[in-house]
């Protein structure tokens, strides 16, 4: 990816401008359009339902996906900068088929409902400015924490959720810091958190996610993109040190052949080259399932 295009894809964590380092950082009403989804390879069919969840800031539209019968550990998925869209729904279905009750919220509900960006036509050079107000709406101080508390409270009222089990949360790109904020804000319920090509996990700002580590009780996994590690090589070390200091060691690894965004199959190409890398995406998925299997028991 060229430096010029990289700068257009980066964003300040607080949503104030697009910058090279930090873009990568950056009630209960339920039920319309429930639909059965075909069984997974494991033979577990799932149901997908659109839901509305009241939060302190409004009403968030979300997708709730779960196996057709039974109750399961819940998982909250934080999207990348492109928000709620078919790729995230497919990810939710795949995870639900493994035996989880999955919530995929629209992180930009304060701005608009549904899918607000089309990755098939998005051009970083001409459309980059569209990201600023969207990302700023969820990365603003306290926004993710308020949402996380509301989402967890909602999940805990659903019969498909086994409240005796801890909740997992995973995030991509922008969603990485949101995983850390969620894990700190609802520490007693979050048992596992995973960040994949998350950006802005360690910053010089007083609200840097890594400063929340003492509040986090969850077992954590961080999959780091090679170019993110090159841009900020000390971030992984500071994360490791922060978790080790509170006797909650996190697993952190750099995917040396993968670029920022490698987990998302619909990630727009950069400089004409694809970003999604299936083999490393599958390796990351296996890491995620292993984390949930052990930490959400």
C-alpha atoms as a PDB file:
ATOM      1  CA  UNK A   1       0.000   0.000   0.000  1.00  0.00           C
ATOM      2  CA  UNK A   2       1.404   3.421  -0.876  1.00  0.00           C
ATOM      3  CA  UNK A   3       2.066   5.969   1.845  1.00  0.00           C
ATOM      4  CA  UNK A   4      -0.460   8.352   0.255  1.00  0.00           C
ATOM      5  CA  UNK A   5      -3.223   5.770   0.280  1.00  0.00           C
ATOM      6  CA  UNK A   6      -2.253   4.643   3.762  1.00  0.00           C
ATOM      7  CA  UNK A   7      -2.733   8.201   5.013  1.00  0.00           C
ATOM      8  CA  UNK A   8      -6.200   8.321   3.506  1.00  0.00           C
ATOM      9  CA  UNK A   9      -7.118   5.123   5.335  1.00  0.00           C
ATOM     10  CA  UNK A  10      -5.813   6.259   8.687  1.00  0.00           C
ATOM     11  CA  UNK A  11      -7.860   8.275  11.146  1.00  0.00           C
ATOM     12  CA  UNK A  12      -7.375   9.990  14.449  1.00  0.00           C
ATOM     13  CA  UNK A  13      -8.870   7.867  17.241  1.00  0.00           C
ATOM     14  CA  UNK A  14     -10.908  10.777  18.539  1.00  0.00           C
ATOM     15  CA  UNK A  15     -12.496  11.302  15.126  1.00  0.00           C
ATOM     16  CA  UNK A  16     -11.119  14.806  14.565  1.00  0.00           C
ATOM     17  CA  UNK A  17      -9.076  14.209  11.404  1.00  0.00           C
ATOM     18  CA  UNK A  18      -7.710  11.555   9.104  1.00  0.00           C
ATOM     19  CA  UNK A  19      -4.110  10.882  10.162  1.00  0.00           C
ATOM     20  CA  UNK A  20      -1.717   8.125   9.193  1.00  0.00           C
ATOM     21  CA  UNK A  21      -1.171   6.549  12.598  1.00  0.00           C
ATOM     22  CA  UNK A  22      -4.580   6.627  14.184  1.00  0.00           C
ATOM     23  CA  UNK A  23      -7.297   5.861  11.620  1.00  0.00           C
ATOM     24  CA  UNK A  24      -6.610   2.277  12.200  1.00  0.00           C
ATOM     25  CA  UNK A  25      -7.544   3.535  15.637  1.00  0.00           C
ATOM     26  CA  UNK A  26      -9.993   4.875  15.415  1.00  0.00           C
ATOM     27  CA  UNK A  27     -35.476  -1.027  26.518  1.00  0.00           C
ATOM     28  CA  UNK A  28     -35.307  -3.599  24.304  1.00  0.00           C
ATOM     29  CA  UNK A  29     -37.153  -3.596  21.015  1.00  0.00           C
ATOM     30  CA  UNK A  30     -36.506  -6.606  18.913  1.00  0.00           C
ATOM     31  CA  UNK A  31     -37.414  -8.222  15.893  1.00  0.00           C
ATOM     32  CA  UNK A  32     -38.021  -7.524  12.289  1.00  0.00           C
ATOM     33  CA  UNK A  33     -37.182  -9.899   9.501  1.00  0.00           C
ATOM     34  CA  UNK A  34     -36.133 -13.041  11.341  1.00  0.00           C
ATOM     35  CA  UNK A  35     -34.781 -15.618   8.930  1.00  0.00           C
ATOM     36  CA  UNK A  36     -33.384 -19.105   9.203  1.00  0.00           C
ATOM     37  CA  UNK A  37     -29.877 -19.556   7.843  1.00  0.00           C
ATOM     38  CA  UNK A  38     -28.684 -22.896   6.418  1.00  0.00           C
ATOM     39  CA  UNK A  39     -26.831 -25.238   8.733  1.00  0.00           C
ATOM     40  CA  UNK A  40     -23.091 -24.854   9.092  1.00  0.00           C
ATOM     41  CA  UNK A  41     -20.594 -27.562   8.347  1.00  0.00           C
ATOM     42  CA  UNK A  42     -21.110 -28.593  11.961  1.00  0.00           C
ATOM     43  CA  UNK A  43     -24.835 -29.029  11.262  1.00  0.00           C
ATOM     44  CA  UNK A  44     -26.031 -26.174  13.506  1.00  0.00           C
ATOM     45  CA  UNK A  45     -28.603 -23.939  11.759  1.00  0.00           C
ATOM     46  CA  UNK A  46     -28.922 -20.365  12.982  1.00  0.00           C
ATOM     47  CA  UNK A  47     -31.515 -17.595  12.999  1.00  0.00           C
ATOM     48  CA  UNK A  48     -30.761 -13.988  12.039  1.00  0.00           C
ATOM     49  CA  UNK A  49     -32.988 -11.206  13.362  1.00  0.00           C
ATOM     50  CA  UNK A  50     -32.833  -7.426  13.074  1.00  0.00           C
ATOM     51  CA  UNK A  51     -33.235  -5.788  16.482  1.00  0.00           C
ATOM     52  CA  UNK A  52     -33.360  -2.296  17.976  1.00  0.00           C
ATOM     53  CA  UNK A  53     -31.544  -1.650  21.245  1.00  0.00           C
ATOM     54  CA  UNK A  54     -32.076   1.413  23.419  1.00  0.00           C
ATOM     55  CA  UNK A  55     -28.880   3.130  24.510  1.00  0.00           C
ATOM     56  CA  UNK A  56     -28.279   6.362  26.444  1.00  0.00           C
ATOM     57  CA  UNK A  57     -27.652   8.032  23.075  1.00  0.00           C
ATOM     58  CA  UNK A  58     -30.606   6.717  21.061  1.00  0.00           C
ATOM     59  CA  UNK A  59     -31.684   3.488  19.388  1.00  0.00           C
ATOM     60  CA  UNK A  60     -29.105   1.212  17.822  1.00  0.00           C
ATOM     61  CA  UNK A  61     -30.050  -1.087  14.979  1.00  0.00           C
ATOM     62  CA  UNK A  62     -28.256  -4.410  15.147  1.00  0.00           C
ATOM     63  CA  UNK A  63     -28.280  -7.992  13.953  1.00  0.00           C
ATOM     64  CA  UNK A  64     -28.794 -10.796  16.466  1.00  0.00           C
ATOM     65  CA  UNK A  65     -27.782 -14.252  15.251  1.00  0.00           C
ATOM     66  CA  UNK A  66     -28.015 -17.483  17.245  1.00  0.00           C
ATOM     67  CA  UNK A  67     -28.603 -21.215  16.848  1.00  0.00           C
ATOM     68  CA  UNK A  68     -32.251 -22.123  16.391  1.00  0.00           C
ATOM     69  CA  UNK A  69     -32.488 -23.864  19.756  1.00  0.00           C
ATOM     70  CA  UNK A  70     -30.748 -23.647  23.106  1.00  0.00           C
ATOM     71  CA  UNK A  71     -28.814 -20.941  24.934  1.00  0.00           C
ATOM     72  CA  UNK A  72     -25.178 -20.056  24.356  1.00  0.00           C
ATOM     73  CA  UNK A  73     -22.391 -17.693  25.398  1.00  0.00           C
ATOM     74  CA  UNK A  74     -22.911 -14.265  23.864  1.00  0.00           C
ATOM     75  CA  UNK A  75     -20.449 -12.463  21.592  1.00  0.00           C
ATOM     76  CA  UNK A  76     -20.407  -8.785  20.634  1.00  0.00           C
ATOM     77  CA  UNK A  77     -18.744  -7.985  17.294  1.00  0.00           C
ATOM     78  CA  UNK A  78     -17.376  -4.491  16.718  1.00  0.00           C
ATOM     79  CA  UNK A  79     -17.091  -3.636  13.031  1.00  0.00           C
ATOM     80  CA  UNK A  80     -14.236  -1.924  11.270  1.00  0.00           C
ATOM     81  CA  UNK A  81     -14.609   1.571   9.788  1.00  0.00           C
ATOM     82  CA  UNK A  82     -17.054   0.347   7.127  1.00  0.00           C
ATOM     83  CA  UNK A  83     -19.626  -0.567   9.753  1.00  0.00           C
ATOM     84  CA  UNK A  84     -22.508  -3.028   9.675  1.00  0.00           C
ATOM     85  CA  UNK A  85     -22.766  -4.711   6.266  1.00  0.00           C
ATOM     86  CA  UNK A  86     -23.152  -8.155   4.644  1.00  0.00           C
ATOM     87  CA  UNK A  87     -19.568  -9.219   5.413  1.00  0.00           C
ATOM     88  CA  UNK A  88     -20.120  -8.644   9.139  1.00  0.00           C
ATOM     89  CA  UNK A  89     -23.465 -10.438   9.039  1.00  0.00           C
ATOM     90  CA  UNK A  90     -21.828 -13.436   7.392  1.00  0.00           C
ATOM     91  CA  UNK A  91     -19.149 -13.418  10.071  1.00  0.00           C
ATOM     92  CA  UNK A  92     -21.868 -13.369  12.716  1.00  0.00           C
ATOM     93  CA  UNK A  93     -23.633 -16.328  11.103  1.00  0.00           C
ATOM     94  CA  UNK A  94     -20.431 -18.315  10.963  1.00  0.00           C
ATOM     95  CA  UNK A  95     -19.707 -17.665  14.604  1.00  0.00           C
ATOM     96  CA  UNK A  96     -23.266 -18.418  15.696  1.00  0.00           C
ATOM     97  CA  UNK A  97     -23.073 -21.764  13.912  1.00  0.00           C
ATOM     98  CA  UNK A  98     -20.160 -22.596  16.217  1.00  0.00           C
ATOM     99  CA  UNK A  99     -22.478 -22.229  19.219  1.00  0.00           C
ATOM    100  CA  UNK A 100     -22.667 -18.548  20.163  1.00  0.00           C
ATOM    101  CA  UNK A 101     -25.385 -15.914  20.423  1.00  0.00           C
ATOM    102  CA  UNK A 102     -23.927 -13.080  18.378  1.00  0.00           C
ATOM    103  CA  UNK A 103     -24.783  -9.379  18.342  1.00  0.00           C
ATOM    104  CA  UNK A 104     -23.461  -7.239  15.488  1.00  0.00           C
ATOM    105  CA  UNK A 105     -24.488  -3.611  16.124  1.00  0.00           C
ATOM    106  CA  UNK A 106     -24.406  -0.694  13.734  1.00  0.00           C
ATOM    107  CA  UNK A 107     -21.642   1.388  15.341  1.00  0.00           C
ATOM    108  CA  UNK A 108     -22.852   4.465  13.455  1.00  0.00           C
ATOM    109  CA  UNK A 109     -26.475   4.472  14.608  1.00  0.00           C
ATOM    110  CA  UNK A 110     -26.040   8.022  15.910  1.00  0.00           C
ATOM    111  CA  UNK A 111     -25.544   9.114  12.301  1.00  0.00           C
ATOM    112  CA  UNK A 112     -27.817   6.757  10.375  1.00  0.00           C
ATOM    113  CA  UNK A 113     -29.330   3.276  10.168  1.00  0.00           C
ATOM    114  CA  UNK A 114     -28.248   0.240   8.237  1.00  0.00           C
ATOM    115  CA  UNK A 115     -25.284  -0.060   5.893  1.00  0.00           C
ATOM    116  CA  UNK A 116     -23.887   3.436   5.377  1.00  0.00           C
ATOM    117  CA  UNK A 117     -20.831   2.599   3.247  1.00  0.00           C
ATOM    118  CA  UNK A 118     -20.452   0.351   0.217  1.00  0.00           C
ATOM    119  CA  UNK A 119     -17.051  -1.329   0.177  1.00  0.00           C
ATOM    120  CA  UNK A 120     -17.570  -2.384  -3.447  1.00  0.00           C
ATOM    121  CA  UNK A 121     -17.500   1.216  -4.660  1.00  0.00           C
ATOM    122  CA  UNK A 122     -15.544   2.945  -1.878  1.00  0.00           C
ATOM    123  CA  UNK A 123     -12.442   4.816  -2.996  1.00  0.00           C
ATOM    124  CA  UNK A 124     -10.062   5.963  -0.275  1.00  0.00           C
ATOM    125  CA  UNK A 125      -8.831   8.880  -2.349  1.00  0.00           C
ATOM    126  CA  UNK A 126     -12.250  10.364  -3.123  1.00  0.00           C
ATOM    127  CA  UNK A 127     -14.422   9.010  -0.311  1.00  0.00           C
ATOM    128  CA  UNK A 128     -12.082   9.154   2.682  1.00  0.00           C
ATOM    129  CA  UNK A 129     -13.777  12.229   4.143  1.00  0.00           C
ATOM    130  CA  UNK A 130     -17.000  10.241   4.565  1.00  0.00           C
ATOM    131  CA  UNK A 131     -15.362   8.274   7.349  1.00  0.00           C
ATOM    132  CA  UNK A 132     -14.712  11.253   9.622  1.00  0.00           C
ATOM    133  CA  UNK A 133     -18.213  11.888  11.035  1.00  0.00           C
ATOM    134  CA  UNK A 134     -18.999   8.188  11.170  1.00  0.00           C
ATOM    135  CA  UNK A 135     -15.934   7.153  13.121  1.00  0.00           C
ATOM    136  CA  UNK A 136     -16.131  10.239  15.319  1.00  0.00           C
ATOM    137  CA  UNK A 137     -19.613   9.202  16.453  1.00  0.00           C
ATOM    138  CA  UNK A 138     -18.380   5.984  18.100  1.00  0.00           C
ATOM    139  CA  UNK A 139     -14.794   6.933  19.019  1.00  0.00           C
ATOM    140  CA  UNK A 140     -15.901  10.006  20.985  1.00  0.00           C
ATOM    141  CA  UNK A 141     -15.063   9.748  24.675  1.00  0.00           C
ATOM    142  CA  UNK A 142     -17.548   7.536  26.511  1.00  0.00           C
ATOM    143  CA  UNK A 143     -19.599   6.528  23.457  1.00  0.00           C
ATOM    144  CA  UNK A 144     -18.340   2.955  23.215  1.00  0.00           C
ATOM    145  CA  UNK A 145     -18.585   2.474  26.966  1.00  0.00           C
ATOM    146  CA  UNK A 146     -22.229   3.564  27.018  1.00  0.00           C
ATOM    147  CA  UNK A 147     -23.025   1.361  24.052  1.00  0.00           C
ATOM    148  CA  UNK A 148     -21.202  -1.634  25.507  1.00  0.00           C
ATOM    149  CA  UNK A 149     -23.158  -1.457  28.750  1.00  0.00           C
ATOM    150  CA  UNK A 150     -26.436  -1.239  26.821  1.00  0.00           C
ATOM    151  CA  UNK A 151     -25.547  -4.107  24.490  1.00  0.00           C
ATOM    152  CA  UNK A 152     -24.483  -6.388  27.330  1.00  0.00           C
ATOM    153  CA  UNK A 153     -27.633  -5.573  29.301  1.00  0.00           C
ATOM    154  CA  UNK A 154     -29.723  -6.366  26.225  1.00  0.00           C
ATOM    155  CA  UNK A 155     -27.941  -9.644  25.590  1.00  0.00           C
ATOM    156  CA  UNK A 156     -28.472 -10.713  29.179  1.00  0.00           C
ATOM    157  CA  UNK A 157     -32.257 -10.479  28.688  1.00  0.00           C
ATOM    158  CA  UNK A 158     -32.305 -12.807  25.689  1.00  0.00           C
ATOM    159  CA  UNK A 159     -33.358 -16.418  26.227  1.00  0.00           C
ATOM    160  CA  UNK A 160     -30.785 -17.536  23.650  1.00  0.00           C
ATOM    161  CA  UNK A 161     -27.981 -16.215  25.859  1.00  0.00           C
ATOM    162  CA  UNK A 162     -26.572 -18.385  28.628  1.00  0.00           C
ATOM    163  CA  UNK A 163     -25.952 -15.786  31.309  1.00  0.00           C
ATOM    164  CA  UNK A 164     -23.960 -18.283  33.363  1.00  0.00           C
ATOM    165  CA  UNK A 165     -21.228 -17.926  30.742  1.00  0.00           C
ATOM    166  CA  UNK A 166     -18.996 -14.921  30.187  1.00  0.00           C
ATOM    167  CA  UNK A 167     -19.403 -12.771  27.063  1.00  0.00           C
ATOM    168  CA  UNK A 168     -16.834 -12.506  24.289  1.00  0.00           C
ATOM    169  CA  UNK A 169     -16.107  -9.484  22.135  1.00  0.00           C
ATOM    170  CA  UNK A 170     -14.088  -9.110  18.952  1.00  0.00           C
ATOM    171  CA  UNK A 171     -13.214  -6.113  16.807  1.00  0.00           C
ATOM    172  CA  UNK A 172     -11.514  -5.246  13.555  1.00  0.00           C
ATOM    173  CA  UNK A 173      -9.471  -2.123  12.722  1.00  0.00           C
ATOM    174  CA  UNK A 174     -11.461   0.636  14.455  1.00  0.00           C
ATOM    175  CA  UNK A 175     -13.154  -2.121  16.450  1.00  0.00           C
ATOM    176  CA  UNK A 176      -9.921  -3.140  18.181  1.00  0.00           C
ATOM    177  CA  UNK A 177      -9.897  -0.210  20.613  1.00  0.00           C
ATOM    178  CA  UNK A 178     -13.653  -0.670  21.088  1.00  0.00           C
ATOM    179  CA  UNK A 179     -12.996  -4.222  22.287  1.00  0.00           C
ATOM    180  CA  UNK A 180     -10.657  -2.858  24.947  1.00  0.00           C
ATOM    181  CA  UNK A 181     -13.135  -0.172  25.998  1.00  0.00           C
ATOM    182  CA  UNK A 182     -15.907  -2.761  26.192  1.00  0.00           C
ATOM    183  CA  UNK A 183     -13.753  -5.147  28.221  1.00  0.00           C
ATOM    184  CA  UNK A 184     -12.944  -2.399  30.707  1.00  0.00           C
ATOM    185  CA  UNK A 185     -16.439  -0.907  30.898  1.00  0.00           C
ATOM    186  CA  UNK A 186     -18.264  -4.201  31.535  1.00  0.00           C
ATOM    187  CA  UNK A 187     -15.387  -6.102  33.085  1.00  0.00           C
ATOM    188  CA  UNK A 188     -17.514  -8.432  35.185  1.00  0.00           C
ATOM    189  CA  UNK A 189     -19.292  -9.828  32.102  1.00  0.00           C
ATOM    190  CA  UNK A 190     -16.610  -9.822  29.434  1.00  0.00           C
ATOM    191  CA  UNK A 191     -14.519 -12.983  29.597  1.00  0.00           C
ATOM    192  CA  UNK A 192     -12.611 -12.760  26.314  1.00  0.00           C
ATOM    193  CA  UNK A 193     -11.633 -10.050  23.870  1.00  0.00           C
ATOM    194  CA  UNK A 194      -9.895 -10.236  20.489  1.00  0.00           C
ATOM    195  CA  UNK A 195      -8.543  -7.417  18.334  1.00  0.00           C
ATOM    196  CA  UNK A 196      -7.580  -8.030  14.711  1.00  0.00           C
ATOM    197  CA  UNK A 197      -5.576  -5.362  12.878  1.00  0.00           C
ATOM    198  CA  UNK A 198      -6.775  -2.946  15.533  1.00  0.00           C
ATOM    199  CA  UNK A 199      -5.337   0.553  15.403  1.00  0.00           C
ATOM    200  CA  UNK A 200      -4.714   3.139  18.075  1.00  0.00           C
ATOM    201  CA  UNK A 201      -4.441   0.550  20.826  1.00  0.00           C
ATOM    202  CA  UNK A 202      -1.464   2.425  22.236  1.00  0.00           C
ATOM    203  CA  UNK A 203      -1.350   6.204  21.874  1.00  0.00           C
ATOM    204  CA  UNK A 204       0.077   9.183  23.732  1.00  0.00           C
ATOM    205  CA  UNK A 205      -3.429  10.417  24.519  1.00  0.00           C
ATOM    206  CA  UNK A 206      -4.764  10.337  28.100  1.00  0.00           C
ATOM    207  CA  UNK A 207      -7.628   8.126  26.892  1.00  0.00           C
ATOM    208  CA  UNK A 208      -5.389   5.562  25.173  1.00  0.00           C
ATOM    209  CA  UNK A 209      -6.952   2.085  25.290  1.00  0.00           C
ATOM    210  CA  UNK A 210      -3.821   0.505  26.755  1.00  0.00           C
ATOM    211  CA  UNK A 211      -4.282   2.603  29.894  1.00  0.00           C
ATOM    212  CA  UNK A 212      -7.513   0.678  30.536  1.00  0.00           C
ATOM    213  CA  UNK A 213      -5.687  -2.623  31.008  1.00  0.00           C
ATOM    214  CA  UNK A 214      -5.871  -2.564  34.840  1.00  0.00           C
ATOM    215  CA  UNK A 215      -9.685  -2.589  34.543  1.00  0.00           C
ATOM    216  CA  UNK A 216      -9.794  -5.538  32.119  1.00  0.00           C
ATOM    217  CA  UNK A 217     -10.406  -9.016  33.503  1.00  0.00           C
ATOM    218  CA  UNK A 218     -10.909 -10.756  30.155  1.00  0.00           C
ATOM    219  CA  UNK A 219      -8.379 -12.972  28.434  1.00  0.00           C
ATOM    220  CA  UNK A 220      -7.151 -11.036  25.409  1.00  0.00           C
ATOM    221  CA  UNK A 221      -5.742 -11.811  21.986  1.00  0.00           C
ATOM    222  CA  UNK A 222      -4.231  -9.252  19.595  1.00  0.00           C
ATOM    223  CA  UNK A 223      -3.523 -10.064  15.948  1.00  0.00           C
ATOM    224  CA  UNK A 224      -1.325  -7.291  14.534  1.00  0.00           C
ATOM    225  CA  UNK A 225      -0.921  -6.469  10.840  1.00  0.00           C
ATOM    226  CA  UNK A 226       2.636  -6.332   9.526  1.00  0.00           C
ATOM    227  CA  UNK A 227       2.401  -2.742   8.307  1.00  0.00           C
ATOM    228  CA  UNK A 228       0.800  -1.579  11.552  1.00  0.00           C
ATOM    229  CA  UNK A 229       3.675  -3.150  13.454  1.00  0.00           C
ATOM    230  CA  UNK A 230       6.156  -1.448  11.159  1.00  0.00           C
ATOM    231  CA  UNK A 231       4.482   1.925  11.750  1.00  0.00           C
ATOM    232  CA  UNK A 232       4.378   1.486  15.542  1.00  0.00           C
ATOM    233  CA  UNK A 233       6.791  -1.310  16.497  1.00  0.00           C
ATOM    234  CA  UNK A 234       6.715  -0.565  20.220  1.00  0.00           C
ATOM    235  CA  UNK A 235       2.929  -0.852  20.574  1.00  0.00           C
ATOM    236  CA  UNK A 236       2.924  -4.625  21.008  1.00  0.00           C
ATOM    237  CA  UNK A 237       5.596  -4.389  23.683  1.00  0.00           C
ATOM    238  CA  UNK A 238       3.700  -1.742  25.634  1.00  0.00           C
ATOM    239  CA  UNK A 239       0.547  -3.851  25.452  1.00  0.00           C
ATOM    240  CA  UNK A 240       2.391  -6.924  26.697  1.00  0.00           C
ATOM    241  CA  UNK A 241       3.935  -4.950  29.550  1.00  0.00           C
ATOM    242  CA  UNK A 242       0.591  -3.461  30.568  1.00  0.00           C
ATOM    243  CA  UNK A 243      -1.141  -6.837  30.765  1.00  0.00           C
ATOM    244  CA  UNK A 244       1.812  -8.525  32.448  1.00  0.00           C
ATOM    245  CA  UNK A 245       1.840  -5.816  35.104  1.00  0.00           C
ATOM    246  CA  UNK A 246      -1.644  -6.829  36.242  1.00  0.00           C
ATOM    247  CA  UNK A 247      -0.965 -10.597  35.990  1.00  0.00           C
ATOM    248  CA  UNK A 248      -3.315 -11.003  33.040  1.00  0.00           C
ATOM    249  CA  UNK A 249      -0.937 -11.847  30.196  1.00  0.00           C
ATOM    250  CA  UNK A 250      -2.331 -11.257  26.705  1.00  0.00           C
ATOM    251  CA  UNK A 251      -1.390 -13.155  23.561  1.00  0.00           C
ATOM    252  CA  UNK A 252      -0.051 -10.768  20.942  1.00  0.00           C
ATOM    253  CA  UNK A 253       1.298 -11.812  17.560  1.00  0.00           C
ATOM    254  CA  UNK A 254       2.252 -10.073  14.356  1.00  0.00           C
ATOM    255  CA  UNK A 255       0.910 -11.553  11.115  1.00  0.00           C
ATOM    256  CA  UNK A 256       4.081 -10.980   9.137  1.00  0.00           C
ATOM    257  CA  UNK A 257       2.532 -11.566   5.712  1.00  0.00           C
ATOM    258  CA  UNK A 258      -0.742  -9.724   6.276  1.00  0.00           C
ATOM    259  CA  UNK A 259      -1.634  -6.065   5.834  1.00  0.00           C
ATOM    260  CA  UNK A 260      -4.059  -3.927   7.812  1.00  0.00           C
ATOM    261  CA  UNK A 261      -7.589  -5.160   7.086  1.00  0.00           C
ATOM    262  CA  UNK A 262      -6.577  -8.706   6.136  1.00  0.00           C
ATOM    263  CA  UNK A 263      -9.503 -10.375   7.940  1.00  0.00           C
ATOM    264  CA  UNK A 264     -12.267  -8.637   5.970  1.00  0.00           C
ATOM    265  CA  UNK A 265     -13.167 -10.345   2.665  1.00  0.00           C
ATOM    266  CA  UNK A 266     -14.742  -7.168   1.289  1.00  0.00           C
ATOM    267  CA  UNK A 267     -11.891  -4.810   2.192  1.00  0.00           C
ATOM    268  CA  UNK A 268     -11.316  -2.412  -0.744  1.00  0.00           C
ATOM    269  CA  UNK A 269      -8.082  -2.937  -2.631  1.00  0.00           C
ATOM    270  CA  UNK A 270      -5.140  -0.667  -1.961  1.00  0.00           C
ATOM    271  CA  UNK A 271      -2.995   0.493  -4.896  1.00  0.00           C
ATOM    272  CA  UNK A 272      -4.735  -2.147  -6.986  1.00  0.00           C
ATOM    273  CA  UNK A 273      -3.749  -4.983  -4.651  1.00  0.00           C
ATOM    274  CA  UNK A 274      -6.147  -7.016  -2.487  1.00  0.00           C
ATOM    275  CA  UNK A 275      -5.916  -6.669   1.299  1.00  0.00           C
ATOM    276  CA  UNK A 276      -7.947  -9.704   2.367  1.00  0.00           C
ATOM    277  CA  UNK A 277      -5.657 -12.683   2.918  1.00  0.00           C
ATOM    278  CA  UNK A 278      -7.642 -15.851   3.345  1.00  0.00           C
ATOM    279  CA  UNK A 279      -5.001 -18.105   4.884  1.00  0.00           C
ATOM    280  CA  UNK A 280      -4.128 -15.589   7.597  1.00  0.00           C
ATOM    281  CA  UNK A 281      -7.813 -14.734   8.072  1.00  0.00           C
ATOM    282  CA  UNK A 282      -8.513 -18.406   8.740  1.00  0.00           C
ATOM    283  CA  UNK A 283      -5.585 -18.599  11.142  1.00  0.00           C
ATOM    284  CA  UNK A 284      -6.997 -15.588  12.989  1.00  0.00           C
ATOM    285  CA  UNK A 285     -10.425 -17.234  13.073  1.00  0.00           C
ATOM    286  CA  UNK A 286      -8.957 -20.379  14.605  1.00  0.00           C
ATOM    287  CA  UNK A 287      -7.253 -18.254  17.268  1.00  0.00           C
ATOM    288  CA  UNK A 288     -10.582 -16.578  18.012  1.00  0.00           C
ATOM    289  CA  UNK A 289     -12.448 -19.853  18.421  1.00  0.00           C
ATOM    290  CA  UNK A 290      -9.722 -21.255  20.661  1.00  0.00           C
ATOM    291  CA  UNK A 291      -9.894 -18.152  22.861  1.00  0.00           C
ATOM    292  CA  UNK A 292     -13.672 -18.346  23.213  1.00  0.00           C
ATOM    293  CA  UNK A 293     -13.615 -22.078  23.872  1.00  0.00           C
ATOM    294  CA  UNK A 294     -11.331 -21.640  26.860  1.00  0.00           C
ATOM    295  CA  UNK A 295     -12.315 -18.221  28.224  1.00  0.00           C
ATOM    296  CA  UNK A 296     -16.105 -18.413  27.877  1.00  0.00           C
ATOM    297  CA  UNK A 297     -16.471 -21.822  29.490  1.00  0.00           C
END
